Amino acid sequence: MQSEVLTLERRQLDLKLGALRLEPGTTKKNEGRLVYLTPELRSLMTAQVNRVAAIERQQRRCDFRKTWATACKKAGAAGMLRHDFRRTAVRNMVNAGVSERVAMKVTGHKTRSVFDRYHNVSPADLQEAMRKLAGISTGITGKSERRPRQ
C-alpha cells in the first residue's frame, strides 16, 4: 500500500509523548521518523483508542461467555463455571499424590489461602482418610479391623 497513514498500527501511537512512530521501510523514502500530533489530534486519538478499548472489552466478555455456555451445553455440562474446572484440576492432582506446592504452580495459585479455597474437602475425602487411618492402626497392632468388601 502506498499510504503511510493507512498502514499505521496502534503500537506506533505514543499518546504520552503525543507522537506517531513511522517505522523504517514503511515510508516513501524507507526512513523512519517521529511525527508529533497537534493537541487537537492527540485528544481525538486518545478518545478513539478509549472507544476501541471499550468495544474490545465488551466483545471479549460477551463472546467468551456465549462461547463458554455453548461449549458446556454441547459437552453435557450446562451451567458450569470455568473455575469449576480449576477446582477439579486441584482435587485431581492432590488426590493423585501431586504435592500441593506443585499443584499450586500448575494451577497458577500464588497464595496458600486461595489454593485452599479451590481444594474442597468432600465427605468422600473424609471417609477415605478414616479408611487409611484404620489401615495404619491395623498395621501397628497386627489385627485386622477392616470389614470384608461386599
Protein backbone atom coordinates (compact mmCIF):
# COMPACT_ATOMS: atom_id res chain seq x y z
CA MET A 1 0.00 0.00 0.00
CA GLN A 2 1.32 3.42 -0.89
CA SER A 3 -0.07 5.25 2.16
CA GLU A 4 1.96 5.96 5.27
CA VAL A 5 -1.23 6.66 7.22
CA LEU A 6 -3.40 3.69 6.24
CA THR A 7 -0.77 1.17 7.32
CA LEU A 8 -0.32 2.59 10.83
CA GLU A 9 -0.86 0.27 13.78
CA ARG A 10 -1.81 1.04 17.39
CA ARG A 11 1.68 0.14 18.62
CA GLN A 12 3.07 3.08 16.64
CA LEU A 13 0.97 5.63 18.54
CA ASP A 14 2.55 7.04 21.70
CA LEU A 15 -0.15 9.09 23.42
CA LYS A 16 2.07 10.04 26.37
CA LEU A 17 4.62 11.51 24.03
CA GLY A 18 1.93 12.74 21.63
CA ALA A 19 3.58 11.26 18.57
CA LEU A 20 3.40 8.64 15.84
CA ARG A 21 6.41 6.50 15.05
CA LEU A 22 6.77 5.73 11.36
CA GLU A 23 8.90 2.61 11.10
CA PRO A 24 11.83 2.37 8.70
CA GLY A 25 10.68 0.69 5.50
CA THR A 26 7.12 1.99 5.80
CA THR A 27 7.68 5.49 4.44
CA LYS A 28 8.20 6.69 0.87
CA LYS A 29 11.93 7.06 1.42
CA ASN A 30 12.10 3.96 3.67
CA GLU A 31 13.36 6.07 6.56
CA GLY A 32 11.69 6.03 9.96
CA ARG A 33 10.59 9.23 11.61
CA LEU A 34 8.67 10.62 14.55
CA VAL A 35 5.61 12.76 13.80
CA TYR A 36 4.27 14.88 16.66
CA LEU A 37 0.50 15.31 16.99
CA THR A 38 -1.29 18.61 17.44
CA PRO A 39 -3.13 18.91 20.77
CA GLU A 40 -6.45 18.51 18.96
CA LEU A 41 -5.33 15.40 17.08
CA ARG A 42 -3.83 13.95 20.26
CA SER A 43 -7.17 14.43 22.01
CA LEU A 44 -9.08 12.82 19.13
CA MET A 45 -6.67 9.87 19.01
CA THR A 46 -6.96 9.35 22.78
CA ALA A 47 -10.75 9.31 22.53
CA GLN A 48 -10.64 6.83 19.64
CA VAL A 49 -8.25 4.49 21.46
CA ASN A 50 -10.56 4.57 24.50
CA ARG A 51 -13.62 3.80 22.34
CA VAL A 52 -11.88 0.85 20.69
CA ALA A 53 -10.69 -0.49 24.06
CA ALA A 54 -14.23 -0.33 25.46
CA ILE A 55 -15.62 -2.19 22.45
CA GLU A 56 -12.89 -4.84 22.68
CA ARG A 57 -13.61 -5.41 26.39
CA GLN A 58 -17.34 -5.72 25.76
CA GLN A 59 -16.97 -8.08 22.79
CA ARG A 60 -14.36 -10.21 24.50
CA ARG A 61 -16.58 -10.63 27.58
CA CYS A 62 -19.76 -11.31 25.60
CA ASP A 63 -18.09 -13.58 23.06
CA PHE A 64 -16.35 -15.61 25.75
CA ARG A 65 -19.47 -16.09 27.86
CA LYS A 66 -21.58 -17.14 24.90
CA THR A 67 -18.88 -19.46 23.57
CA TRP A 68 -18.32 -20.95 27.03
CA ALA A 69 -22.05 -21.56 27.57
CA THR A 70 -22.38 -23.19 24.16
CA ALA A 71 -19.34 -25.43 24.74
CA CYS A 72 -20.58 -26.52 28.18
CA LYS A 73 -24.03 -27.27 26.80
CA LYS A 74 -22.58 -29.38 23.97
CA ALA A 75 -20.41 -31.24 26.49
CA GLY A 76 -23.43 -32.01 28.65
CA ALA A 77 -22.18 -29.75 31.43
CA ALA A 78 -24.54 -26.79 31.10
CA GLY A 79 -24.15 -24.17 33.81
CA MET A 80 -20.53 -24.98 34.61
CA LEU A 81 -18.21 -22.13 35.50
CA ARG A 82 -14.66 -22.04 34.20
CA HIS A 83 -13.37 -22.05 37.78
CA ASP A 84 -15.23 -25.32 38.40
CA PHE A 85 -12.64 -26.98 36.18
CA ARG A 86 -9.81 -25.33 38.08
CA ARG A 87 -11.24 -26.83 41.28
CA THR A 88 -11.44 -30.20 39.58
CA ALA A 89 -7.82 -29.92 38.48
CA VAL A 90 -6.71 -29.10 42.04
CA ARG A 91 -8.68 -32.03 43.50
CA ASN A 92 -7.45 -34.47 40.86
CA MET A 93 -3.81 -33.52 41.31
CA VAL A 94 -3.89 -33.65 45.10
CA ASN A 95 -5.82 -36.94 45.09
CA ALA A 96 -3.31 -38.39 42.61
CA GLY A 97 -0.48 -37.62 45.04
CA VAL A 98 0.91 -34.50 43.37
CA SER A 99 2.36 -32.29 46.08
CA GLU A 100 0.20 -29.30 46.87
CA ARG A 101 3.09 -26.94 46.12
CA VAL A 102 3.44 -28.38 42.62
CA ALA A 103 -0.35 -28.29 42.13
CA MET A 104 -0.27 -24.60 43.09
CA LYS A 105 2.34 -23.93 40.40
CA VAL A 106 0.35 -25.81 37.77
CA THR A 107 -2.92 -24.01 38.55
CA GLY A 108 -1.26 -20.62 38.99
CA HIS A 109 -2.23 -20.11 42.63
CA LYS A 110 0.23 -17.75 44.28
CA THR A 111 -1.08 -17.94 47.83
CA ARG A 112 -1.93 -20.88 50.02
CA SER A 113 -5.21 -19.34 51.15
CA VAL A 114 -6.58 -19.12 47.60
CA PHE A 115 -5.36 -22.64 46.79
CA ASP A 116 -7.16 -23.95 49.89
CA ARG A 117 -10.40 -22.38 48.66
CA TYR A 118 -10.07 -24.37 45.45
CA HIS A 119 -9.16 -27.59 47.23
CA ASN A 120 -12.54 -28.51 48.64
CA VAL A 121 -12.77 -31.47 51.01
CA SER A 122 -15.72 -33.74 50.29
CA PRO A 123 -17.41 -36.30 52.56
CA ALA A 124 -15.76 -39.00 50.41
CA ASP A 125 -12.35 -37.47 51.22
CA LEU A 126 -13.12 -37.68 54.94
CA GLN A 127 -14.24 -41.30 54.58
CA GLU A 128 -11.06 -42.17 52.69
CA ALA A 129 -8.98 -40.55 55.43
CA MET A 130 -10.67 -42.78 58.03
CA ARG A 131 -10.11 -45.89 55.88
CA LYS A 132 -6.42 -45.01 55.60
CA LEU A 133 -6.21 -44.33 59.33
CA ALA A 134 -7.84 -47.69 60.05
CA GLY A 135 -5.32 -49.35 57.75
CA ILE A 136 -2.42 -47.74 59.61
CA SER A 137 -3.76 -48.72 63.03
CA THR A 138 -4.23 -52.33 61.94
CA GLY A 139 -0.64 -52.41 60.79
CA ILE A 140 0.56 -51.40 64.25
CA THR A 141 -1.47 -53.92 66.24
CA GLY A 142 -1.27 -56.68 63.71
CA LYS A 143 -5.03 -57.18 63.98
CA SER A 144 -7.26 -56.65 61.02
CA GLU A 145 -10.15 -54.32 61.77
CA ARG A 146 -11.24 -53.99 58.17
CA ARG A 147 -14.57 -55.34 57.07
CA PRO A 148 -14.56 -57.58 54.05
CA ARG A 149 -15.86 -55.90 50.90
CA GLN A 150 -19.30 -56.99 49.83
